[in-house]
Amino acid sequence: MKNPPVHVSSHQENTSANNEKNSPDAEDNAARDLFVFAADKGMQQCDRKQVDKVIFESSKGSAYFKNQQDKDSAVNSRCTEIKDKLAKLLSDQQMLASCTRRADMLVSQARQRFAVGKVCMHVDLDQFYAAVEIRENPSLAGKPIAVGGMAMISTANYEARKFGVRSAMPGFIAIKLCPQLIFVNSSFTKYREVSGQVKQILLNYDPNLSMGSLDEASMDITQYIRNHGVSARDVAEEARRRIVEATSLTASAGVGPNKMLAKIASDMNKPNGCTVVPMTQPECEAFVGKLAVRKIPGVGRVMEKMLREGLGVTTVSDILSNAHLICGLWSEVSQLHLIGAAAGGAGSGRQSGFSADKNADESGDVGRKSIGIERTFGTLSNSSQLIAKLQELCERLSEDAENASVGGHTVTLKIKDVNFKVKQKSFSLPHA
């Protein structure tokens, strides 16, 4: 990588535009940066600018709004740090040359690590919680519904998403976007039962599958294809058909040469669709290169903004163009993950089809480091109720860890209060 091009974002090149804080678009930009909601499948029909404006206006003055401002301020500070580090890196030719050599090595290794002949499948149940509730109460079909309450939504169905309603959105905002929205209480006992049915079906294709959550599974179907003499698409379509027959729910599937690409593919033809991506390394590199960086599992809004604001990186192909700078600005874990994904989806070598944990995203890092479970519920202050809720979550986390075949060394408890402030405590065990 001789004389690598240096890409800087438009935010650096056009500072005068950034200083126009009183421009007509200033509030729209603030809404966009504070509330990154319009991303779920089924939201293509939304007027993004109008949705952002409603979210912004509905949230003003709330504890949620203040919390989002605090979080965005922290992200902006991280972006400033990245820009400062970039300036120092560009002024140090010796360090820049060292980062370039490392980038060359990582790109080469990622391309060589590409597993030729491997076939992976990712299955994602469509609008899972909402679909279960509609199945149980058919009168909800065709109506906009959200599983959750005024505090927070777990899932919204596709009818609700047309209005800009989506998962992880406070219900008091959702009702402003869609006044006719119907709230349904969650029932995780039902969801876990249906998830277990789906898992039993998918175990036929890979006895070592990984359940990333109740509604998605990642598996290696290479041996199944060899044993049964069928195509990868045939396997995906059969799995989806069997899920419908057993549960009356639809699922979307993605097939690719590694679990990361299979997961990306599973989201490309939702709902009730199937996507098979190219199987060679050059084809996969070209395929992912056109995607937005947010499509990489493990890249959340924090990393997305840092890449965009710091380096002008918006697409996956931009990662390879700026690999030398990424090697000088991000952690080793992030380097491996980003460059590996950009070189064809090999990721960090873990071949994970699942995204990074939320704490990793808050730090601007990527790569799966933990497994966790969280639930949003109504206000609780009674100690016995809190302990009972904690016991329930611990039992479910234990089951999820067993299903994913992972263990841990440190246990962390995170609590978010009614003002959306987060407190957490960790305890490390003597042995994993």
Protein backbone atom coordinates (compact mmCIF):
# COMPACT_ATOMS: atom_id res chain seq x y z
CA MET A 1 0.00 0.00 0.00
CA LYS A 2 2.36 2.68 -1.28
CA ASN A 3 1.49 6.31 -0.66
CA PRO A 4 -1.99 5.46 0.63
CA PRO A 5 -4.63 8.09 -0.01
CA VAL A 6 -5.66 10.13 2.99
CA HIS A 7 -9.41 10.51 3.26
CA VAL A 8 -10.84 13.16 5.52
CA SER A 9 -14.49 13.72 6.15
CA SER A 10 -16.47 16.61 4.74
CA HIS A 11 -16.82 17.80 8.31
CA GLN A 12 -13.09 18.58 8.31
CA GLU A 13 -12.99 20.02 4.81
CA ASN A 14 -15.99 22.30 5.20
CA THR A 15 -15.78 23.73 8.68
CA SER A 16 -17.74 26.82 7.73
CA ALA A 17 -20.76 24.65 6.98
CA ASN A 18 -20.43 22.99 10.38
CA ASN A 19 -20.38 26.34 12.13
CA GLU A 20 -23.76 27.31 10.73
CA LYS A 21 -25.56 26.03 13.78
CA ASN A 22 -28.56 28.22 13.11
CA SER A 23 -29.15 26.91 9.61
CA PRO A 24 -32.63 25.53 8.73
CA ASP A 25 -31.25 22.02 8.80
CA ALA A 26 -29.60 22.34 12.22
CA GLU A 27 -32.54 20.90 14.17
CA ASP A 28 -33.03 18.11 11.62
CA ASN A 29 -29.38 17.16 12.01
CA ALA A 30 -29.69 17.25 15.79
CA ALA A 31 -32.67 14.92 15.62
CA ARG A 32 -30.83 12.58 13.29
CA ASP A 33 -27.76 12.41 15.54
CA LEU A 34 -29.67 12.05 18.80
CA PHE A 35 -32.18 9.45 17.66
CA VAL A 36 -30.95 6.91 15.14
CA PHE A 37 -34.22 5.03 14.75
CA ALA A 38 -35.15 4.67 11.08
CA ALA A 39 -33.26 1.49 10.29
CA ASP A 40 -35.56 -1.49 10.77
CA LYS A 41 -36.86 -3.37 7.75
CA GLY A 42 -40.30 -2.21 6.72
CA MET A 43 -39.48 1.46 7.33
CA GLN A 44 -38.55 2.31 3.74
CA GLN A 45 -41.85 4.15 3.25
CA CYS A 46 -41.15 6.52 6.14
CA ASP A 47 -40.47 10.21 5.63
CA ARG A 48 -37.18 10.03 7.53
CA LYS A 49 -36.93 13.77 8.09
CA GLN A 50 -40.50 13.99 9.40
CA VAL A 51 -40.02 10.97 11.67
CA ASP A 52 -36.83 12.47 13.10
CA LYS A 53 -38.62 15.78 13.69
CA VAL A 54 -41.53 14.14 15.54
CA ILE A 55 -39.10 12.13 17.66
CA PHE A 56 -37.11 15.25 18.47
CA GLU A 57 -40.16 17.36 19.38
CA SER A 58 -41.85 14.56 21.35
CA SER A 59 -38.75 13.95 23.43
CA LYS A 60 -37.84 17.50 24.38
CA GLY A 61 -37.68 18.03 28.11
CA SER A 62 -37.92 14.34 28.96
CA ALA A 63 -35.38 12.31 30.91
CA TYR A 64 -34.95 10.23 27.78
CA PHE A 65 -34.06 13.32 25.73
CA LYS A 66 -31.52 14.45 28.32
CA ASN A 67 -29.97 11.00 28.40
CA GLN A 68 -29.68 10.95 24.59
CA GLN A 69 -28.03 14.37 24.66
CA ASP A 70 -25.51 13.18 27.23
CA LYS A 71 -24.72 10.10 25.18
CA ASP A 72 -24.36 12.10 21.98
CA SER A 73 -22.07 14.55 23.74
CA ALA A 74 -19.85 11.65 24.81
CA VAL A 75 -19.77 10.34 21.23
CA ASN A 76 -18.87 13.79 19.92
CA SER A 77 -15.98 13.88 22.38
CA ARG A 78 -14.78 10.54 21.05
CA CYS A 79 -15.00 11.91 17.50
CA THR A 80 -12.90 14.92 18.53
CA GLU A 81 -10.32 12.58 20.04
CA ILE A 82 -10.19 10.60 16.79
CA LYS A 83 -9.64 13.79 14.76
CA ASP A 84 -6.86 14.91 17.12
CA LYS A 85 -5.18 11.50 16.90
CA LEU A 86 -5.55 11.58 13.12
CA ALA A 87 -3.78 14.94 12.89
CA LYS A 88 -0.88 13.61 14.95
CA LEU A 89 -0.73 10.42 12.91
CA LEU A 90 -0.61 12.30 9.59
CA SER A 91 2.25 14.44 10.90
CA ASP A 92 4.32 11.40 11.91
CA GLN A 93 5.53 9.79 8.69
CA GLN A 94 7.33 7.00 10.51
CA MET A 95 4.22 5.98 12.42
CA LEU A 96 2.08 6.32 9.28
CA ALA A 97 4.45 4.00 7.40
CA SER A 98 4.25 1.48 10.25
CA CYS A 99 0.44 1.61 10.20
CA THR A 100 0.49 1.13 6.43
CA ARG A 101 2.62 -1.99 6.75
CA ARG A 102 0.29 -3.37 9.39
CA ALA A 103 -2.76 -2.61 7.23
CA ASP A 104 -1.19 -4.43 4.28
CA MET A 105 -0.56 -7.44 6.50
CA LEU A 106 -4.07 -7.50 7.97
CA VAL A 107 -5.77 -7.15 4.58
CA SER A 108 -3.60 -9.93 3.14
CA GLN A 109 -4.28 -12.21 6.11
CA ALA A 110 -8.01 -11.55 5.97
CA ARG A 111 -8.14 -12.47 2.31
CA GLN A 112 -6.10 -15.62 2.90
CA ARG A 113 -8.30 -16.58 5.85
CA PHE A 114 -11.36 -16.71 3.60
CA ALA A 115 -12.77 -20.24 3.90
CA VAL A 116 -13.33 -21.59 0.40
CA GLY A 117 -16.04 -24.26 0.20
CA LYS A 118 -17.68 -23.38 3.50
CA VAL A 119 -21.42 -22.65 3.50
CA CYS A 120 -23.19 -20.93 6.39
CA MET A 121 -26.82 -20.05 6.96
CA HIS A 122 -28.45 -17.45 9.17
CA VAL A 123 -32.15 -17.61 9.98
CA ASP A 124 -34.00 -14.61 11.42
CA LEU A 125 -37.66 -14.81 12.43
CA ASP A 126 -39.66 -11.87 11.07
CA GLN A 127 -41.05 -9.34 13.62
CA PHE A 128 -40.82 -12.25 16.07
CA TYR A 129 -42.51 -11.03 19.26
CA ALA A 130 -45.19 -9.20 17.30
CA ALA A 131 -45.75 -12.20 15.01
CA VAL A 132 -46.32 -14.49 18.00
CA GLU A 133 -48.83 -12.05 19.48
CA ILE A 134 -50.71 -11.77 16.15
CA ARG A 135 -50.77 -15.55 15.87
CA GLU A 136 -52.30 -15.77 19.33
CA ASN A 137 -54.79 -12.98 18.59
CA PRO A 138 -55.62 -12.91 14.86
CA SER A 139 -57.76 -9.78 15.32
CA LEU A 140 -54.46 -7.85 15.47
CA ALA A 141 -53.53 -8.84 11.92
CA GLY A 142 -53.16 -5.88 9.58
CA LYS A 143 -53.09 -3.38 12.45
CA PRO A 144 -50.03 -1.49 13.74
CA ILE A 145 -48.93 -3.09 16.99
CA ALA A 146 -45.96 -2.82 19.32
CA VAL A 147 -44.87 -5.28 21.98
CA GLY A 148 -44.00 -3.28 25.06
CA GLY A 149 -45.40 -0.14 26.65
CA MET A 150 -45.03 3.60 27.02
CA ALA A 151 -41.57 3.20 28.52
CA MET A 152 -40.01 1.11 25.75
CA ILE A 153 -40.93 -1.05 22.77
CA SER A 154 -39.39 -4.48 22.22
CA THR A 155 -40.72 -5.07 18.71
CA ALA A 156 -43.04 -3.36 16.24
CA ASN A 157 -44.76 -5.14 13.38
CA TYR A 158 -44.36 -4.04 9.77
CA GLU A 159 -47.62 -2.09 9.77
CA ALA A 160 -46.30 0.03 12.66
CA ARG A 161 -42.89 0.46 11.04
CA LYS A 162 -44.51 2.22 8.08
CA PHE A 163 -45.11 5.10 10.51
CA GLY A 164 -41.54 5.10 11.81
CA VAL A 165 -42.21 2.99 14.91
CA ARG A 166 -39.50 0.48 15.68
CA SER A 167 -37.86 -1.61 18.38
CA ALA A 168 -35.94 0.08 21.19
CA MET A 169 -38.11 3.19 20.86
CA PRO A 170 -39.96 4.67 23.87
CA GLY A 171 -43.69 4.09 23.58
CA PHE A 172 -44.53 7.73 24.29
CA ILE A 173 -42.69 8.64 21.09
CA ALA A 174 -44.20 5.78 19.09
CA ILE A 175 -47.75 6.88 19.91
CA LYS A 176 -47.00 10.34 18.47
CA LEU A 177 -45.80 8.76 15.24
CA CYS A 178 -48.74 6.36 15.06
CA PRO A 179 -51.76 7.43 17.21
CA GLN A 180 -53.63 4.21 16.34
CA LEU A 181 -50.76 2.03 17.60
CA ILE A 182 -51.86 -0.94 19.71
CA PHE A 183 -49.60 -1.91 22.62
CA VAL A 184 -49.37 -5.57 23.58
CA ASN A 185 -47.71 -6.83 26.76
CA SER A 186 -44.73 -9.09 26.19
CA SER A 187 -44.89 -12.79 27.05
CA PHE A 188 -41.43 -14.28 27.06
CA THR A 189 -42.71 -17.68 28.10
CA LYS A 190 -44.49 -17.94 24.75
CA TYR A 191 -41.52 -16.52 22.84
CA ARG A 192 -39.10 -18.98 24.39
CA GLU A 193 -41.44 -21.87 23.61
CA VAL A 194 -41.66 -20.91 19.93
CA SER A 195 -37.92 -20.24 19.80
CA GLY A 196 -37.34 -23.77 21.11
CA GLN A 197 -39.52 -25.20 18.33
CA VAL A 198 -37.50 -23.33 15.71
CA LYS A 199 -34.23 -24.45 17.26
CA GLN A 200 -35.27 -28.10 17.07
CA ILE A 201 -35.91 -27.69 13.35
CA LEU A 202 -32.60 -25.98 12.69
CA LEU A 203 -30.59 -28.52 14.68
CA ASN A 204 -31.21 -30.90 11.79
CA TYR A 205 -28.92 -28.77 9.64
CA ASP A 206 -26.20 -28.09 12.20
CA PRO A 207 -26.13 -29.78 15.64
CA ASN A 208 -23.70 -27.08 16.78
CA LEU A 209 -25.76 -24.07 15.76
CA SER A 210 -25.57 -20.82 17.72
CA MET A 211 -28.71 -19.01 18.89
CA GLY A 212 -27.80 -15.33 19.05
CA SER A 213 -31.20 -14.53 20.57
CA LEU A 214 -34.67 -16.01 20.70
CA ASP A 215 -35.35 -15.08 17.08
CA GLU A 216 -32.13 -15.77 15.19
CA ALA A 217 -29.73 -18.66 14.64
CA SER A 218 -26.43 -19.04 12.85
CA MET A 219 -25.16 -22.36 11.53
CA ASP A 220 -22.62 -24.12 9.32
CA ILE A 221 -24.52 -26.22 6.75
CA THR A 222 -21.48 -27.37 4.75
CA GLN A 223 -21.65 -30.98 5.94
CA TYR A 224 -25.41 -31.17 5.56
CA ILE A 225 -25.15 -30.10 1.92
CA ARG A 226 -22.46 -32.70 1.25
CA ASN A 227 -24.39 -35.46 2.96
CA HIS A 228 -27.69 -34.76 1.23
CA GLY A 229 -26.54 -33.53 -2.18
CA VAL A 230 -28.69 -30.40 -2.10
CA SER A 231 -27.98 -26.75 -2.84
CA ALA A 232 -27.59 -24.10 -0.18
CA ARG A 233 -30.73 -22.33 -1.37
CA ASP A 234 -32.68 -25.60 -1.15
CA VAL A 235 -31.63 -25.96 2.49
CA ALA A 236 -32.64 -22.39 3.33
CA GLU A 237 -36.01 -22.69 1.63
CA GLU A 238 -36.71 -26.03 3.29
CA ALA A 239 -35.84 -24.62 6.72
CA ARG A 240 -38.13 -21.65 6.20
CA ARG A 241 -40.96 -23.90 5.03
CA ARG A 242 -40.62 -26.20 8.04
CA ILE A 243 -40.69 -23.19 10.40
CA VAL A 244 -43.95 -21.97 8.86
CA GLU A 245 -45.49 -25.44 9.11
CA ALA A 246 -44.50 -25.86 12.75
CA THR A 247 -45.15 -22.34 14.07
CA SER A 248 -47.21 -20.43 11.46
CA LEU A 249 -44.45 -17.80 11.57
CA THR A 250 -42.26 -16.65 8.69
CA ALA A 251 -38.49 -16.39 8.72
CA SER A 252 -35.89 -14.80 6.48
CA ALA A 253 -32.66 -16.59 5.66
CA GLY A 254 -29.24 -15.65 4.38
CA VAL A 255 -26.59 -17.99 2.95
CA GLY A 256 -22.93 -17.17 2.49
CA PRO A 257 -19.38 -18.46 2.85
CA ASN A 258 -19.15 -17.35 6.49
CA LYS A 259 -21.55 -16.56 9.31
CA MET A 260 -21.06 -12.82 9.14
CA LEU A 261 -22.05 -12.62 5.48
CA ALA A 262 -24.93 -15.02 6.05
CA LYS A 263 -26.29 -12.72 8.76
CA ILE A 264 -26.00 -9.67 6.52
CA ALA A 265 -27.76 -11.59 3.74
CA SER A 266 -30.64 -12.63 6.03
CA ASP A 267 -31.61 -8.97 6.40
CA MET A 268 -31.56 -8.15 2.68
CA ASN A 269 -34.85 -9.68 1.59
CA LYS A 270 -37.06 -9.30 4.66
CA PRO A 271 -39.71 -10.24 5.42
CA ASN A 272 -40.14 -13.88 4.42
CA GLY A 273 -37.25 -13.90 1.96
CA CYS A 274 -34.02 -15.68 1.19
CA THR A 275 -30.72 -14.28 -0.10
CA VAL A 276 -27.69 -16.27 -1.25
CA VAL A 277 -24.51 -14.21 -1.60
CA PRO A 278 -21.44 -14.97 -3.77
CA MET A 279 -19.07 -17.64 -2.49
CA THR A 280 -15.61 -16.50 -3.67
CA GLN A 281 -13.42 -14.01 -1.80
CA PRO A 282 -13.19 -11.37 -4.59
CA GLU A 283 -16.95 -11.53 -5.15
CA CYS A 284 -17.67 -11.22 -1.44
CA GLU A 285 -15.30 -8.29 -1.06
CA ALA A 286 -17.07 -6.51 -3.92
CA PHE A 287 -20.46 -7.45 -2.47
CA VAL A 288 -19.86 -6.05 1.02
CA GLY A 289 -17.93 -3.07 -0.33
CA LYS A 290 -21.14 -1.45 -1.54
CA LEU A 291 -22.84 -1.70 1.83
CA ALA A 292 -23.00 0.95 4.54
CA VAL A 293 -20.59 0.28 7.41
CA ARG A 294 -23.59 -0.06 9.77
CA LYS A 295 -24.44 -3.31 7.97
CA ILE A 296 -21.38 -4.98 9.50
CA PRO A 297 -22.51 -6.96 12.57
CA GLY A 298 -20.98 -5.28 15.59
CA VAL A 299 -20.88 -1.77 14.12
CA GLY A 300 -23.38 0.34 16.02
CA ARG A 301 -24.25 4.00 15.91
CA VAL A 302 -21.19 5.00 17.94
CA MET A 303 -18.66 3.30 15.68
CA GLU A 304 -20.61 4.43 12.61
CA LYS A 305 -20.43 8.07 13.66
CA MET A 306 -16.76 7.87 14.66
CA LEU A 307 -15.82 6.39 11.29
CA ARG A 308 -17.92 8.96 9.43
CA GLU A 309 -16.87 12.01 11.43
CA GLY A 310 -13.24 11.00 11.87
CA LEU A 311 -12.32 9.53 8.50
CA GLY A 312 -15.25 10.11 6.16
CA VAL A 313 -15.82 6.35 6.06
CA THR A 314 -19.41 5.53 5.13
CA THR A 315 -19.22 2.33 3.05
CA VAL A 316 -17.44 -0.94 3.73
CA SER A 317 -15.09 -0.36 0.79
CA ASP A 318 -13.99 2.88 2.50
CA ILE A 319 -12.60 0.72 5.31
CA LEU A 320 -10.00 -0.85 3.01
CA SER A 321 -9.12 2.56 1.54
CA ASN A 322 -8.51 3.84 5.06
CA ALA A 323 -7.14 0.65 6.61
CA HIS A 324 -3.79 2.30 7.37
CA LEU A 325 -5.53 5.06 9.34
CA ILE A 326 -7.82 2.63 11.14
CA CYS A 327 -4.72 0.73 12.25
CA GLY A 328 -3.38 3.92 13.82
CA LEU A 329 -6.60 5.04 15.48
CA TRP A 330 -8.57 2.00 16.62
CA SER A 331 -7.91 -0.95 18.90
CA GLU A 332 -6.49 -4.20 17.60
CA VAL A 333 -9.85 -5.92 18.05
CA SER A 334 -11.59 -3.27 15.94
CA GLN A 335 -8.86 -3.38 13.29
CA LEU A 336 -9.25 -7.13 12.86
CA HIS A 337 -13.03 -6.95 12.83
CA LEU A 338 -13.42 -4.05 10.40
CA ILE A 339 -10.71 -5.07 7.96
CA GLY A 340 -11.75 -8.71 8.08
CA ALA A 341 -15.35 -7.79 7.29
CA ALA A 342 -14.32 -5.49 4.45
CA ALA A 343 -12.17 -8.23 2.93
CA GLY A 344 -15.10 -10.57 2.54
CA GLY A 345 -16.78 -10.98 5.89
CA ALA A 346 -14.19 -13.06 7.72
CA GLY A 347 -14.35 -10.63 10.62
CA SER A 348 -11.94 -11.08 13.48
CA GLY A 349 -11.56 -14.80 12.91
CA ARG A 350 -14.36 -15.68 15.33
CA GLN A 351 -16.71 -16.14 12.37
CA SER A 352 -19.50 -14.78 14.50
CA GLY A 353 -22.84 -14.18 12.89
CA PHE A 354 -23.91 -12.01 15.79
CA SER A 355 -23.28 -8.42 16.64
CA ALA A 356 -21.09 -7.00 19.36
CA ASP A 357 -22.49 -6.44 22.82
CA LYS A 358 -23.97 -3.01 23.51
CA ASN A 359 -21.21 -1.96 25.89
CA ALA A 360 -18.68 -2.52 23.12
CA ASP A 361 -20.64 -0.20 20.83
CA GLU A 362 -20.83 2.50 23.49
CA SER A 363 -17.02 2.51 23.61
CA GLY A 364 -16.77 2.66 19.83
CA ASP A 365 -15.27 -0.80 19.67
CA VAL A 366 -16.49 -3.90 17.86
CA GLY A 367 -16.21 -7.67 18.02
CA ARG A 368 -18.24 -9.94 20.25
CA LYS A 369 -16.89 -9.91 23.80
CA SER A 370 -19.83 -11.02 25.87
CA ILE A 371 -23.30 -12.47 25.95
CA GLY A 372 -26.07 -10.74 27.82
CA ILE A 373 -29.76 -10.34 28.37
CA GLU A 374 -31.82 -7.31 29.23
CA ARG A 375 -35.48 -6.48 29.66
CA THR A 376 -37.41 -3.22 29.84
CA PHE A 377 -40.34 -3.21 32.27
CA GLY A 378 -42.47 -0.83 34.28
CA THR A 379 -41.13 1.08 37.26
CA LEU A 380 -40.02 -1.25 40.07
CA SER A 381 -38.69 -0.14 43.45
CA ASN A 382 -39.70 -3.01 45.74
CA SER A 383 -36.55 -4.98 46.62
CA SER A 384 -38.21 -8.39 46.53
CA GLN A 385 -39.67 -7.69 43.07
CA LEU A 386 -36.28 -6.53 41.82
CA ILE A 387 -34.57 -9.65 43.14
CA ALA A 388 -37.22 -11.87 41.53
CA LYS A 389 -36.72 -10.09 38.20
CA LEU A 390 -32.95 -10.48 38.53
CA GLN A 391 -33.29 -14.20 39.26
CA GLU A 392 -35.45 -14.61 36.15
CA LEU A 393 -32.89 -12.81 33.96
CA CYS A 394 -30.01 -14.84 35.39
CA GLU A 395 -31.76 -18.11 34.59
CA ARG A 396 -32.47 -17.00 31.03
CA LEU A 397 -28.92 -15.77 30.52
CA SER A 398 -27.59 -19.12 31.72
CA GLU A 399 -29.76 -20.89 29.16
CA ASP A 400 -28.69 -18.52 26.38
CA ALA A 401 -25.01 -18.99 27.19
CA GLU A 402 -25.46 -22.75 27.13
CA ASN A 403 -27.29 -22.57 23.80
CA ALA A 404 -24.53 -20.38 22.34
CA SER A 405 -21.82 -22.70 23.78
CA VAL A 406 -19.98 -19.84 25.46
CA GLY A 407 -18.68 -19.21 28.94
CA GLY A 408 -17.51 -16.16 30.81
CA HIS A 409 -15.13 -14.93 33.45
CA THR A 410 -16.86 -11.73 34.56
CA VAL A 411 -20.50 -11.17 35.51
CA THR A 412 -21.89 -7.64 35.13
CA LEU A 413 -25.18 -6.26 36.40
CA LYS A 414 -26.46 -3.15 34.60
CA ILE A 415 -29.43 -1.14 35.86
CA LYS A 416 -31.11 1.76 34.06
CA ASP A 417 -33.26 3.96 36.30
CA VAL A 418 -36.36 6.00 35.41
CA ASN A 419 -34.10 8.89 34.36
CA PHE A 420 -32.33 6.57 31.90
CA LYS A 421 -29.11 6.74 33.91
CA VAL A 422 -27.12 3.52 33.84
CA LYS A 423 -25.29 2.01 36.80
CA GLN A 424 -23.33 -1.20 36.65
CA LYS A 425 -21.26 -3.48 38.86
CA SER A 426 -18.97 -6.31 37.78
CA PHE A 427 -17.63 -9.36 39.58
CA SER A 428 -14.86 -11.53 38.14
CA LEU A 429 -14.81 -15.23 38.93
CA PRO A 430 -11.54 -17.00 39.79
CA HIS A 431 -12.06 -19.38 36.86
CA ALA A 432 -14.09 -19.11 33.66
